[in-house]
Amino acid sequence: MKRRLCIFLAALLFLGAVFPMATAAEAEFTTEPMIETSGGHAVALRSDGTVWAWGSNSQGQLGDGTRIERRTPVQVQYLSRVTAVTAHNTWSLALRDDGTVWIWGGGFLEFDLTPVQVPDLSNIIALYDGIAIRDDGTLWSWSLDGAQQLGENISNVTAVARGDQHVVALRDDGTVWTWGLNNSGQLGDGTQINRSAPVQVQNLYNVTAIAAGRRHSVALREDGTVWAWGSNGLGQLGDGTETRHRTPSQVPNLFNITAIAIGWDHTIASENNGAVWAWGSNWHGVLGDGTTINRDIPTQVQNLSNITSISADRWLTMTLRDDGTVWAWGINHGMLGIGWTNTTHHTPVQVLGPGGVGHLSLTEDTPFAFIFSDVPRTHWARSAVAFVYEQGLMQGTAASTFAPNATLTRAMVVTILHRLAGEPTVAGDPAFDDVPVGQWFSDAIAWASDQEIVTGTSSNLFAPNAPITREQFAAMLHRYAEAMDIDVTIPPDFAWSQFADYDTVSPWATDAMRWAVYNGLITGTDPTTLSPQGNTTRAQSATILMRFVEHTTN
């Protein structure tokens, strides 16, 4: 694994395509926030219809255009008006309000790093565990061969859950149907016979929600009781025993439940008063009771209240409070969203905000006081703009405007780098004829020139007011990394010919651009175009700075 200081550069130059400003209709769009976690990453839907993600990103499952692990939330690119999200191992999904499904990450269309629309799939009303429900109640999945219907002869489905090798479906009449592997009785039909077609779960009616684990299943009835069946070797059925059940049995002493979720071998339930209960395997403290002891009856999660949504996977459990904050616990390799620490937590911790500043909220505006009227709530860089302003790295162009689409100048970039370095002093004046003493950028340029972070546009000129291009920005960052003793070596045989214009990079910037591309810093203005001579906007620079601080201060 690369050194932490090397890893932080993986977020610096993600300039990508220019994101469009939200329309008035998008600004008014609202939806119910939700969280999903699977395979070591988390996906969160904000009430404004934008999607945020953090954790493992080896297959692009965070949708930010890179394969760089993120320890705090980043915004998924090119998505708006989303009504539901789901995560499944190395990929993620979103449902838009027009009934289309969008996917990103590994295992589909050659590992897309940003969302692409799933073809041949429309009129979708819900997503669960990587399965879509159409408006006619049929179930659909997809592969490189296109969309395929799931579940022979089943319709009117309102919810679906996927276990390790079995599927659980809830119909609009409150009955539950299952198919797949049944070696532990997880299908609930009274047998251990595998089923290729749906069979009805025995003696279970008036169900409002379902969940599926590795080899057990759980249902919530409209009376607030919880029923479970299947494997029970780790107490995951919550009945005080380790005896498997081939048909549903009620979880004792658990009432007024409003939501359920299953990890791998543990179960989570939230009560109508906002309390959360957990039972089953407590590997890495996923039950949130402060221990790693397995529990065969429900135990209350510590220090947690007012919960409205829950999600779980093999390694962790995650919850959403009614104030829009997100709380998580369990093993931590980035998936808890608490920055650059690998500390496992056995009780809930609060997910940080973008860049590691403040805390994530799925309902409120940014965690900062916001003053810029030209960066609306739905703007893709709003959190970054708020961050750099609060940190004193960038200022507005006027009292209430930031000018996010304005071009950044060479003097601005050097001044920002100077502020990041703590505004060190340097003896002597700037060595450029067009950088007079006493200007707002004079000290910064003198320092950067002394550190060999910048060079002039000629032997005696710096061009402080000239717009900075993508390759110039890459070169400055490359030199800054060297000045900070960061290893910038890359394999000599690294090829970047996927970009049709790679040979248009200026010779003096080639090493810096190759380094940026190799580390996932530049992903192109589109999948085949680097645009090395394209200008950098203030919004893009704010995002670069936020990610810089995220990876260097943790």
Protein backbone atom coordinates (compact mmCIF):
# COMPACT_ATOMS: atom_id res chain seq x y z
CA MET A 1 0.00 0.00 0.00
CA LYS A 2 1.39 3.44 -0.88
CA ARG A 3 2.46 5.83 1.82
CA ARG A 4 -0.31 8.02 3.16
CA LEU A 5 1.32 11.14 1.77
CA CYS A 6 1.43 9.53 -1.63
CA ILE A 7 -2.17 8.41 -1.42
CA PHE A 8 -3.42 11.93 -0.80
CA LEU A 9 -2.34 12.96 -4.27
CA ALA A 10 -4.85 10.55 -5.70
CA ALA A 11 -7.55 13.13 -5.14
CA LEU A 12 -5.76 16.28 -6.23
CA LEU A 13 -6.35 16.61 -9.94
CA PHE A 14 -9.66 15.00 -10.59
CA LEU A 15 -10.83 17.70 -12.97
CA GLY A 16 -12.94 15.41 -15.12
CA ALA A 17 -15.72 16.76 -17.27
CA VAL A 18 -17.25 20.12 -16.44
CA PHE A 19 -20.37 19.48 -14.39
CA PRO A 20 -23.51 21.32 -15.47
CA MET A 21 -25.23 23.70 -13.10
CA ALA A 22 -28.52 22.39 -11.76
CA THR A 23 -31.68 23.64 -13.41
CA ALA A 24 -34.42 25.32 -11.42
CA ALA A 25 -36.42 22.07 -11.52
CA GLU A 26 -33.46 20.13 -10.10
CA ALA A 27 -33.02 22.72 -7.36
CA GLU A 28 -36.59 22.11 -6.23
CA PHE A 29 -36.32 18.31 -6.34
CA THR A 30 -36.51 16.51 -3.00
CA THR A 31 -36.51 12.85 -2.07
CA GLU A 32 -36.32 10.65 1.00
CA PRO A 33 -32.66 10.21 2.08
CA MET A 34 -31.27 6.72 2.49
CA ILE A 35 -28.04 4.78 3.06
CA GLU A 36 -26.72 1.48 1.72
CA THR A 37 -23.50 -0.40 2.44
CA SER A 38 -21.99 -3.50 0.85
CA GLY A 39 -18.58 -4.93 0.06
CA GLY A 40 -16.62 -2.36 2.03
CA HIS A 41 -18.18 0.79 0.58
CA ALA A 42 -21.20 2.94 1.36
CA VAL A 43 -23.61 4.91 -0.80
CA ALA A 44 -25.83 7.69 0.54
CA LEU A 45 -28.73 9.53 -1.09
CA ARG A 46 -29.23 13.12 -0.02
CA SER A 47 -32.65 14.73 0.08
CA ASP A 48 -31.63 16.93 -2.87
CA GLY A 49 -31.31 13.85 -5.12
CA THR A 50 -27.50 13.78 -5.22
CA VAL A 51 -25.51 10.66 -4.34
CA TRP A 52 -22.39 10.43 -2.17
CA ALA A 53 -20.08 7.48 -1.51
CA TRP A 54 -17.01 6.45 0.47
CA GLY A 55 -14.86 3.41 1.27
CA SER A 56 -13.28 0.90 -1.07
CA ASN A 57 -13.01 2.03 -4.69
CA SER A 58 -10.83 -0.59 -6.38
CA GLN A 59 -13.43 -1.15 -9.10
CA GLY A 60 -14.78 2.40 -9.31
CA GLN A 61 -17.76 1.63 -7.07
CA LEU A 62 -17.74 5.17 -5.63
CA GLY A 63 -18.50 6.68 -9.03
CA ASP A 64 -16.11 9.62 -8.74
CA GLY A 65 -14.17 8.77 -11.90
CA THR A 66 -11.25 7.08 -10.11
CA ARG A 67 -10.28 3.84 -8.38
CA ILE A 68 -8.93 5.73 -5.38
CA GLU A 69 -10.09 4.74 -1.90
CA ARG A 70 -12.03 7.53 -0.19
CA ARG A 71 -12.11 7.80 3.60
CA THR A 72 -14.74 10.57 3.61
CA PRO A 73 -17.72 11.11 1.28
CA VAL A 74 -17.27 12.15 -2.34
CA GLN A 75 -20.05 13.01 -4.74
CA VAL A 76 -20.95 10.49 -7.44
CA GLN A 77 -20.58 12.19 -10.81
CA TYR A 78 -23.29 13.00 -13.32
CA LEU A 79 -26.25 12.00 -11.13
CA SER A 80 -29.26 14.08 -10.10
CA ARG A 81 -32.93 13.52 -9.30
CA VAL A 82 -32.15 10.14 -7.74
CA THR A 83 -34.89 8.46 -5.70
CA ALA A 84 -33.12 5.29 -4.49
CA VAL A 85 -29.64 3.79 -4.24
CA THR A 86 -28.23 0.36 -3.55
CA ALA A 87 -24.78 -1.13 -3.16
CA HIS A 88 -23.65 -4.63 -4.03
CA ASN A 89 -20.04 -5.75 -3.50
CA THR A 90 -17.95 -3.90 -6.11
CA TRP A 91 -20.67 -1.88 -7.81
CA SER A 92 -23.42 0.58 -7.00
CA LEU A 93 -26.79 1.52 -8.47
CA ALA A 94 -29.11 4.50 -8.55
CA LEU A 95 -32.74 4.90 -9.60
CA ARG A 96 -33.74 8.24 -11.10
CA ASP A 97 -37.20 9.74 -10.97
CA ASP A 98 -37.71 8.93 -14.67
CA GLY A 99 -37.58 5.18 -13.92
CA THR A 100 -34.09 4.63 -15.35
CA VAL A 101 -31.35 2.72 -13.54
CA TRP A 102 -27.70 3.83 -13.48
CA ILE A 103 -24.74 1.64 -12.54
CA TRP A 104 -21.07 2.15 -11.83
CA GLY A 105 -18.17 0.04 -10.55
CA GLY A 106 -16.90 -3.45 -11.25
CA GLY A 107 -18.59 -6.28 -13.00
CA PHE A 108 -20.52 -4.34 -15.61
CA LEU A 109 -19.52 -2.70 -18.89
CA GLU A 110 -15.80 -3.08 -18.23
CA PHE A 111 -15.67 -1.38 -14.84
CA ASP A 112 -17.25 2.01 -15.45
CA LEU A 113 -15.86 4.63 -13.10
CA THR A 114 -18.87 6.91 -13.44
CA PRO A 115 -22.57 6.08 -13.78
CA VAL A 116 -23.92 4.68 -17.05
CA GLN A 117 -27.54 3.86 -17.77
CA VAL A 118 -28.50 0.20 -17.67
CA PRO A 119 -29.81 -0.54 -21.18
CA ASP A 120 -33.19 -2.11 -21.92
CA LEU A 121 -34.52 -1.33 -18.46
CA SER A 122 -37.28 1.21 -17.89
CA ASN A 123 -40.31 1.92 -15.72
CA ILE A 124 -38.42 0.86 -12.59
CA ILE A 125 -40.00 1.87 -9.28
CA ALA A 126 -37.59 0.36 -6.71
CA LEU A 127 -34.08 -1.06 -6.25
CA TYR A 128 -33.03 -3.66 -3.70
CA ASP A 129 -29.70 -5.48 -3.42
CA GLY A 130 -28.90 -5.07 -7.10
CA ILE A 131 -32.38 -6.16 -8.24
CA ALA A 132 -34.91 -3.82 -9.86
CA ILE A 133 -38.70 -3.88 -9.54
CA ARG A 134 -40.69 -2.74 -12.55
CA ASP A 135 -44.02 -0.92 -12.27
CA ASP A 136 -45.79 -4.20 -13.13
CA GLY A 137 -44.24 -5.87 -10.06
CA THR A 138 -41.77 -8.03 -12.00
CA LEU A 139 -38.12 -8.45 -10.97
CA TRP A 140 -35.17 -7.64 -13.20
CA SER A 141 -31.42 -8.04 -13.11
CA TRP A 142 -28.80 -7.42 -15.80
CA SER A 143 -25.43 -8.41 -17.21
CA LEU A 144 -23.38 -7.66 -20.28
CA ASP A 145 -26.08 -9.49 -22.23
CA GLY A 146 -28.72 -7.01 -21.12
CA ALA A 147 -31.66 -7.08 -18.71
CA GLN A 148 -33.20 -10.39 -17.63
CA GLN A 149 -36.35 -11.11 -15.67
CA LEU A 150 -35.91 -12.94 -12.36
CA GLY A 151 -38.26 -15.19 -10.48
CA GLU A 152 -40.32 -17.50 -12.66
CA ASN A 153 -44.07 -16.85 -12.42
CA ILE A 154 -43.90 -14.18 -9.74
CA SER A 155 -45.37 -10.71 -10.02
CA ASN A 156 -46.84 -7.90 -7.91
CA VAL A 157 -43.57 -7.72 -5.98
CA THR A 158 -43.07 -4.68 -3.74
CA ALA A 159 -39.68 -5.53 -2.18
CA VAL A 160 -36.87 -8.00 -2.75
CA ALA A 161 -33.74 -9.07 -0.86
CA ARG A 162 -30.73 -11.05 -2.03
CA GLY A 163 -28.83 -13.42 0.29
CA ASP A 164 -25.60 -15.22 -0.52
CA GLN A 165 -27.33 -17.68 -2.86
CA HIS A 166 -31.03 -17.16 -2.26
CA VAL A 167 -33.64 -14.50 -3.02
CA VAL A 168 -36.57 -13.33 -0.90
CA ALA A 169 -39.49 -11.43 -2.46
CA LEU A 170 -42.45 -9.64 -0.84
CA ARG A 171 -45.71 -9.43 -2.79
CA ASP A 172 -48.36 -6.74 -2.46
CA ASP A 173 -50.65 -9.19 -0.63
CA GLY A 174 -48.16 -9.44 2.27
CA THR A 175 -46.92 -12.93 1.41
CA VAL A 176 -43.24 -13.82 1.07
CA TRP A 177 -41.71 -15.97 -1.67
CA THR A 178 -38.20 -17.41 -1.92
CA TRP A 179 -35.94 -19.41 -4.22
CA GLY A 180 -32.32 -20.53 -4.49
CA LEU A 181 -30.05 -22.38 -2.05
CA ASN A 182 -31.86 -23.93 0.92
CA ASN A 183 -29.21 -25.91 2.79
CA SER A 184 -29.99 -24.14 6.07
CA GLY A 185 -33.74 -23.75 5.60
CA GLN A 186 -33.32 -20.12 4.51
CA LEU A 187 -36.21 -20.43 2.05
CA GLY A 188 -38.67 -20.98 4.90
CA ASP A 189 -40.73 -23.64 3.11
CA GLY A 190 -40.22 -26.32 5.76
CA THR A 191 -37.56 -28.18 3.79
CA GLN A 192 -33.88 -27.99 2.87
CA ILE A 193 -34.55 -28.55 -0.81
CA ASN A 194 -33.03 -26.02 -3.21
CA ARG A 195 -35.62 -24.25 -5.37
CA SER A 196 -35.17 -22.84 -8.85
CA ALA A 197 -38.65 -21.30 -8.86
CA PRO A 198 -40.33 -19.22 -6.13
CA VAL A 199 -42.05 -21.03 -3.24
CA GLN A 200 -44.17 -19.40 -0.56
CA VAL A 201 -42.73 -19.07 2.93
CA GLN A 202 -44.93 -21.02 5.32
CA ASN A 203 -47.24 -19.44 7.89
CA LEU A 204 -46.17 -15.87 7.22
CA TYR A 205 -48.62 -13.12 6.30
CA ASN A 206 -49.12 -9.36 6.57
CA VAL A 207 -45.43 -8.71 5.95
CA THR A 208 -44.22 -5.16 5.26
CA ALA A 209 -40.44 -5.62 4.93
CA ILE A 210 -37.90 -8.38 4.29
CA ALA A 211 -34.13 -8.93 4.52
CA ALA A 212 -31.75 -11.72 3.55
CA GLY A 213 -28.36 -12.71 4.97
CA ARG A 214 -25.80 -15.33 4.11
CA ARG A 215 -28.05 -18.26 5.06
CA HIS A 216 -30.94 -16.76 6.99
CA SER A 217 -33.92 -14.55 6.23
CA VAL A 218 -35.99 -12.08 8.24
CA ALA A 219 -39.43 -10.51 7.82
CA LEU A 220 -41.21 -7.62 9.53
CA ARG A 221 -44.96 -7.89 9.97
CA GLU A 222 -47.37 -4.97 10.04
CA ASP A 223 -47.91 -5.52 13.78
CA GLY A 224 -44.24 -4.60 14.41
CA THR A 225 -43.05 -8.13 15.17
CA VAL A 226 -39.99 -9.72 13.56
CA TRP A 227 -39.83 -13.26 12.21
CA ALA A 228 -36.71 -15.18 11.18
CA TRP A 229 -35.71 -18.52 9.67
CA GLY A 230 -32.67 -20.39 8.35
CA SER A 231 -29.17 -20.72 9.81
CA ASN A 232 -28.77 -19.94 13.50
CA GLY A 233 -25.31 -21.13 14.47
CA LEU A 234 -24.30 -17.61 15.53
CA GLY A 235 -27.63 -16.61 17.04
CA GLN A 236 -28.75 -14.71 13.97
CA LEU A 237 -32.41 -15.74 14.43
CA GLY A 238 -32.47 -14.02 17.82
CA ASP A 239 -34.49 -16.68 19.64
CA GLY A 240 -31.96 -17.47 22.37
CA THR A 241 -30.78 -20.70 20.73
CA GLU A 242 -28.43 -21.84 17.97
CA THR A 243 -31.04 -24.10 16.39
CA ARG A 244 -31.85 -23.54 12.74
CA HIS A 245 -35.47 -23.08 11.68
CA ARG A 246 -36.93 -24.17 8.34
CA THR A 247 -40.03 -22.04 8.89
CA PRO A 248 -40.39 -18.57 10.42
CA SER A 249 -40.20 -18.16 14.19
CA GLN A 250 -40.87 -14.94 16.04
CA VAL A 251 -37.95 -13.06 17.56
CA PRO A 252 -39.03 -12.82 21.21
CA ASN A 253 -39.37 -9.61 23.20
CA LEU A 254 -39.12 -7.39 20.14
CA PHE A 255 -42.07 -5.14 19.31
CA ASN A 256 -42.92 -1.89 17.56
CA ILE A 257 -40.22 -2.48 14.96
CA THR A 258 -40.30 -0.25 11.88
CA ALA A 259 -37.27 -1.40 9.83
CA ILE A 260 -34.97 -4.41 9.50
CA ALA A 261 -31.62 -5.13 7.85
CA ILE A 262 -29.19 -8.02 7.64
CA GLY A 263 -25.42 -8.05 7.33
CA TRP A 264 -23.80 -11.41 6.69
CA ASP A 265 -24.65 -13.27 9.89
CA HIS A 266 -26.17 -10.50 12.00
CA THR A 267 -29.56 -8.79 12.05
CA ILE A 268 -30.52 -5.19 12.83
CA ALA A 269 -33.93 -3.77 13.72
CA SER A 270 -35.03 -0.21 14.52
CA GLU A 271 -37.91 0.55 16.86
CA ASN A 272 -40.58 3.22 16.41
CA ASN A 273 -38.92 5.24 19.20
CA GLY A 274 -35.65 5.38 17.22
CA ALA A 275 -33.81 2.72 19.25
CA VAL A 276 -31.80 0.08 17.38
CA TRP A 277 -31.46 -3.60 18.29
CA ALA A 278 -28.95 -6.14 16.97
CA TRP A 279 -28.21 -9.84 17.30
CA GLY A 280 -26.17 -12.64 15.73
CA SER A 281 -22.48 -12.61 14.84
CA ASN A 282 -20.56 -9.76 16.43
CA TRP A 283 -17.47 -10.04 14.27
CA HIS A 284 -15.53 -6.78 14.58
CA GLY A 285 -18.22 -5.30 16.81
CA VAL A 286 -20.93 -5.05 14.14
CA LEU A 287 -23.68 -5.30 16.78
CA GLY A 288 -22.65 -1.95 18.26
CA ASP A 289 -22.93 -3.03 21.89
CA GLY A 290 -19.30 -2.25 22.74
CA THR A 291 -18.13 -5.86 22.58
CA THR A 292 -17.29 -8.58 20.05
CA ILE A 293 -19.45 -11.19 21.78
CA ASN A 294 -22.06 -12.94 19.62
CA ARG A 295 -25.64 -12.39 20.80
CA ASP A 296 -28.51 -14.88 20.36
CA ILE A 297 -31.12 -12.40 21.57
CA PRO A 298 -31.55 -8.75 20.60
CA THR A 299 -29.20 -6.32 22.34
CA GLN A 300 -29.55 -2.56 22.12
CA VAL A 301 -26.96 -0.59 20.16
CA GLN A 302 -25.21 1.86 22.46
CA ASN A 303 -25.44 5.65 22.29
CA LEU A 304 -27.83 5.75 19.36
CA SER A 305 -31.32 7.22 19.04
CA ASN A 306 -33.80 8.74 16.59
CA ILE A 307 -32.87 6.33 13.80
CA THR A 308 -34.94 6.36 10.61
CA SER A 309 -32.97 4.06 8.26
CA ILE A 310 -30.55 1.15 8.69
CA SER A 311 -28.19 -0.86 6.50
CA ALA A 312 -25.60 -3.56 7.13
CA ASP A 313 -23.07 -5.78 5.42
CA ARG A 314 -20.55 -8.36 6.54
CA TRP A 315 -18.16 -5.86 8.09
CA LEU A 316 -20.22 -3.01 9.46
CA THR A 317 -23.59 -1.53 10.31
CA MET A 318 -24.79 1.92 9.29
CA THR A 319 -27.73 4.06 10.39
CA LEU A 320 -29.38 7.35 9.44
CA ARG A 321 -30.75 9.64 12.15
CA ASP A 322 -33.75 11.90 11.78
CA ASP A 323 -31.43 14.92 11.69
CA GLY A 324 -29.81 13.57 8.51
CA THR A 325 -26.54 12.51 10.13
CA VAL A 326 -25.03 9.10 9.43
CA TRP A 327 -23.55 6.79 12.07
CA ALA A 328 -21.56 3.58 11.56
CA TRP A 329 -19.64 0.93 13.45
CA GLY A 330 -17.64 -2.23 12.80
CA ILE A 331 -14.42 -2.91 10.93
CA ASN A 332 -12.81 0.09 9.32
CA HIS A 333 -10.70 0.26 6.18
CA GLY A 334 -12.32 3.47 5.05
CA MET A 335 -15.92 2.30 5.03
CA LEU A 336 -16.85 4.05 8.30
CA GLY A 337 -16.19 7.39 6.65
CA ILE A 338 -14.17 8.82 9.54
CA GLY A 339 -10.93 9.72 7.76
CA TRP A 340 -7.49 8.15 7.64
CA THR A 341 -7.73 5.74 10.50
CA ASN A 342 -8.14 1.97 10.45
CA THR A 343 -9.49 1.79 13.99
CA THR A 344 -12.35 -0.66 14.40
CA HIS A 345 -15.28 0.76 16.36
CA HIS A 346 -17.62 -1.37 18.48
CA THR A 347 -20.06 1.51 19.05
CA PRO A 348 -21.43 4.12 16.62
CA VAL A 349 -19.22 6.90 15.23
CA GLN A 350 -20.43 9.78 13.08
CA VAL A 351 -19.51 9.88 9.39
CA LEU A 352 -17.46 12.96 8.51
CA GLY A 353 -18.36 15.51 5.88
CA PRO A 354 -16.64 15.87 2.49
CA GLY A 355 -12.94 16.54 2.93
CA GLY A 356 -13.13 15.37 6.54
CA VAL A 357 -14.60 18.68 7.70
CA GLY A 358 -17.78 18.77 9.72
CA HIS A 359 -20.15 15.83 9.45
CA LEU A 360 -22.18 14.45 6.60
CA SER A 361 -25.84 15.42 6.54
CA LEU A 362 -28.30 13.94 4.08
CA THR A 363 -30.98 16.53 4.81
CA GLU A 364 -29.29 19.78 5.76
CA ASP A 365 -27.21 22.08 3.62
CA THR A 366 -23.41 21.92 3.91
CA PRO A 367 -22.11 21.81 7.50
CA PHE A 368 -20.74 25.32 6.99
CA ALA A 369 -22.30 28.76 7.03
CA PHE A 370 -22.71 29.41 3.32
CA ILE A 371 -22.58 32.87 1.79
CA PHE A 372 -22.17 32.42 -1.96
CA SER A 373 -25.40 32.92 -3.90
CA ASP A 374 -23.90 31.65 -7.18
CA VAL A 375 -23.17 28.17 -5.78
CA PRO A 376 -26.66 26.72 -5.20
CA ARG A 377 -27.32 23.74 -3.00
CA THR A 378 -27.33 21.31 -5.92
CA HIS A 379 -24.04 22.54 -7.37
CA TRP A 380 -21.58 19.66 -7.65
CA ALA A 381 -18.79 21.61 -5.88
CA ARG A 382 -20.82 23.27 -3.12
CA SER A 383 -19.23 21.31 -0.27
CA ALA A 384 -15.77 21.94 -1.68
CA VAL A 385 -16.43 25.66 -2.06
CA ALA A 386 -17.70 25.85 1.52
CA PHE A 387 -14.65 23.95 2.72
CA VAL A 388 -11.99 26.10 1.04
CA TYR A 389 -13.74 29.26 2.21
CA GLU A 390 -13.97 28.10 5.82
CA GLN A 391 -10.34 26.98 5.76
CA GLY A 392 -9.19 30.31 4.39
CA LEU A 393 -7.74 28.79 1.23
CA MET A 394 -9.98 30.63 -1.24
CA GLN A 395 -12.13 33.71 -1.00
CA GLY A 396 -15.10 34.97 -2.97
CA THR A 397 -14.84 37.28 -5.93
CA ALA A 398 -17.27 39.55 -4.05
CA ALA A 399 -19.06 39.50 -0.72
CA SER A 400 -21.68 36.95 -1.85
CA THR A 401 -20.27 35.43 -5.05
CA PHE A 402 -17.63 32.78 -5.69
CA ALA A 403 -17.67 32.69 -9.52
CA PRO A 404 -17.36 28.89 -9.68
CA ASN A 405 -17.06 28.78 -13.46
CA ALA A 406 -14.46 31.54 -13.67
CA THR A 407 -10.99 30.53 -14.74
CA LEU A 408 -8.27 30.25 -12.12
CA THR A 409 -5.09 32.25 -12.80
CA ARG A 410 -1.48 31.27 -12.29
CA ALA A 411 -1.12 33.76 -9.44
CA MET A 412 -4.22 32.38 -7.71
CA VAL A 413 -2.89 28.81 -7.76
CA VAL A 414 0.50 29.82 -6.35
CA THR A 415 -1.19 31.89 -3.63
CA ILE A 416 -3.34 28.92 -2.62
CA LEU A 417 -0.32 26.61 -2.45
CA HIS A 418 1.48 29.24 -0.37
CA ARG A 419 -1.45 29.33 2.08
CA LEU A 420 -1.49 25.54 2.30
CA ALA A 421 2.20 25.60 3.20
CA GLY A 422 1.47 28.01 6.04
CA GLU A 423 2.55 31.13 4.17
CA PRO A 424 6.30 30.70 4.76
CA THR A 425 8.51 33.72 4.22
CA VAL A 426 11.38 33.81 1.78
CA ALA A 427 14.29 36.20 1.50
CA GLY A 428 14.42 38.33 -1.64
CA ASP A 429 11.94 39.62 -4.13
CA PRO A 430 10.20 37.80 -7.01
CA ALA A 431 12.56 37.18 -9.91
CA PHE A 432 10.05 38.15 -12.60
CA ASP A 433 9.63 41.54 -14.23
CA ASP A 434 5.81 41.26 -14.19
CA VAL A 435 5.62 40.44 -10.47
CA PRO A 436 6.25 43.74 -8.68
CA VAL A 437 6.85 43.88 -4.96
CA GLY A 438 3.79 44.57 -2.81
CA GLN A 439 1.15 42.83 -4.90
CA TRP A 440 -1.20 40.31 -3.26
CA PHE A 441 0.61 37.46 -5.01
CA SER A 442 4.22 38.71 -4.74
CA ASP A 443 5.31 36.78 -1.63
CA ALA A 444 3.64 33.57 -2.81
CA ILE A 445 5.37 33.66 -6.20
CA ALA A 446 8.73 34.48 -4.58
CA TRP A 447 8.31 31.46 -2.27
CA ALA A 448 7.16 29.08 -5.00
CA SER A 449 9.99 30.18 -7.28
CA ASP A 450 12.52 29.66 -4.49
CA GLN A 451 11.12 26.14 -3.89
CA GLU A 452 11.21 25.46 -7.66
CA ILE A 453 7.47 24.79 -7.63
CA VAL A 454 6.88 27.30 -10.41
CA THR A 455 8.80 28.56 -13.40
CA GLY A 456 8.07 31.51 -15.61
CA THR A 457 6.50 31.60 -19.03
CA SER A 458 9.87 32.98 -20.14
CA SER A 459 13.18 33.79 -18.50
CA ASN A 460 11.88 37.00 -16.91
CA LEU A 461 8.06 36.76 -17.05
CA PHE A 462 5.58 34.81 -14.90
CA ALA A 463 2.23 35.94 -16.42
CA PRO A 464 0.39 36.06 -13.06
CA ASN A 465 -2.99 36.90 -14.58
CA ALA A 466 -2.89 34.25 -17.29
CA PRO A 467 -5.38 31.37 -16.90
CA ILE A 468 -3.82 28.15 -15.67
CA THR A 469 -4.22 25.11 -17.90
CA ARG A 470 -4.68 21.52 -16.82
CA GLU A 471 -1.11 20.61 -17.74
CA GLN A 472 0.25 23.66 -15.90
CA PHE A 473 -1.75 22.69 -12.83
CA ALA A 474 -0.39 19.15 -13.08
CA ALA A 475 3.15 20.48 -13.34
CA MET A 476 2.75 22.73 -10.29
CA LEU A 477 1.27 19.90 -8.24
CA HIS A 478 4.01 17.54 -9.38
CA ARG A 479 6.69 20.00 -8.30
CA TYR A 480 4.83 20.72 -5.05
CA ALA A 481 4.79 16.99 -4.31
CA GLU A 482 8.54 16.82 -4.91
CA ALA A 483 9.08 19.83 -2.63
CA MET A 484 7.09 18.01 0.08
CA ASP A 485 9.27 14.89 -0.36
CA ILE A 486 6.47 12.86 -1.91
CA ASP A 487 7.45 9.92 -4.10
CA VAL A 488 6.30 10.74 -7.63
CA THR A 489 7.87 7.81 -9.47
CA ILE A 490 5.69 5.72 -11.80
CA PRO A 491 6.43 2.59 -13.86
CA PRO A 492 8.45 3.55 -16.94
CA ASP A 493 6.26 1.37 -19.16
CA PHE A 494 3.00 3.01 -18.06
CA ALA A 495 0.86 3.62 -21.15
CA TRP A 496 -1.79 6.29 -21.46
CA SER A 497 -2.73 5.87 -25.10
CA GLN A 498 -6.41 5.49 -24.15
CA PHE A 499 -6.42 9.28 -24.42
CA ALA A 500 -6.41 10.21 -28.08
CA ASP A 501 -4.73 13.54 -27.39
CA TYR A 502 -1.99 12.30 -25.05
CA ASP A 503 0.65 13.28 -27.60
CA THR A 504 -0.50 16.91 -27.48
CA VAL A 505 0.78 17.33 -23.92
CA SER A 506 3.64 19.83 -23.89
CA PRO A 507 7.04 18.15 -23.46
CA TRP A 508 7.78 20.07 -20.25
CA ALA A 509 4.52 18.76 -18.71
CA THR A 510 4.67 15.14 -19.91
CA ASP A 511 6.16 13.66 -16.74
CA ALA A 512 3.67 15.52 -14.53
CA MET A 513 0.67 14.56 -16.67
CA ARG A 514 1.74 10.90 -16.86
CA TRP A 515 2.15 10.90 -13.09
CA ALA A 516 -1.31 12.45 -12.67
CA VAL A 517 -2.95 9.97 -15.05
CA TYR A 518 -1.16 6.98 -13.52
CA ASN A 519 -2.36 7.94 -10.03
CA GLY A 520 -5.90 8.59 -11.23
CA LEU A 521 -5.58 12.33 -10.70
CA ILE A 522 -6.63 13.26 -14.21
CA THR A 523 -9.38 11.16 -15.73
CA GLY A 524 -9.96 13.30 -18.80
CA THR A 525 -12.69 15.65 -19.85
CA ASP A 526 -14.24 12.54 -21.39
CA PRO A 527 -13.04 8.92 -21.46
CA THR A 528 -10.69 9.51 -24.40
CA THR A 529 -9.70 13.17 -24.03
CA LEU A 530 -7.18 14.75 -21.64
CA SER A 531 -7.56 18.37 -22.79
CA PRO A 532 -4.13 19.30 -21.42
CA GLN A 533 -4.41 22.88 -22.61
CA GLY A 534 -7.92 23.35 -21.20
CA ASN A 535 -8.36 25.89 -18.41
CA THR A 536 -9.13 25.12 -14.76
CA THR A 537 -12.19 26.67 -13.08
CA ARG A 538 -12.46 27.95 -9.52
CA ALA A 539 -14.97 25.21 -8.66
CA GLN A 540 -12.59 22.53 -9.89
CA SER A 541 -9.75 24.05 -7.90
CA ALA A 542 -11.90 24.07 -4.76
CA THR A 543 -12.50 20.34 -5.17
CA ILE A 544 -8.78 19.73 -5.65
CA LEU A 545 -7.98 21.62 -2.47
CA MET A 546 -10.64 19.89 -0.38
CA ARG A 547 -9.34 16.48 -1.41
CA PHE A 548 -5.77 17.62 -0.81
CA VAL A 549 -6.54 18.55 2.79
CA GLU A 550 -8.60 15.38 3.29
CA HIS A 551 -5.58 13.21 2.57
CA THR A 552 -2.86 15.28 4.19
CA THR A 553 -4.41 16.15 7.54
CA ASN A 554 -5.56 12.64 8.57
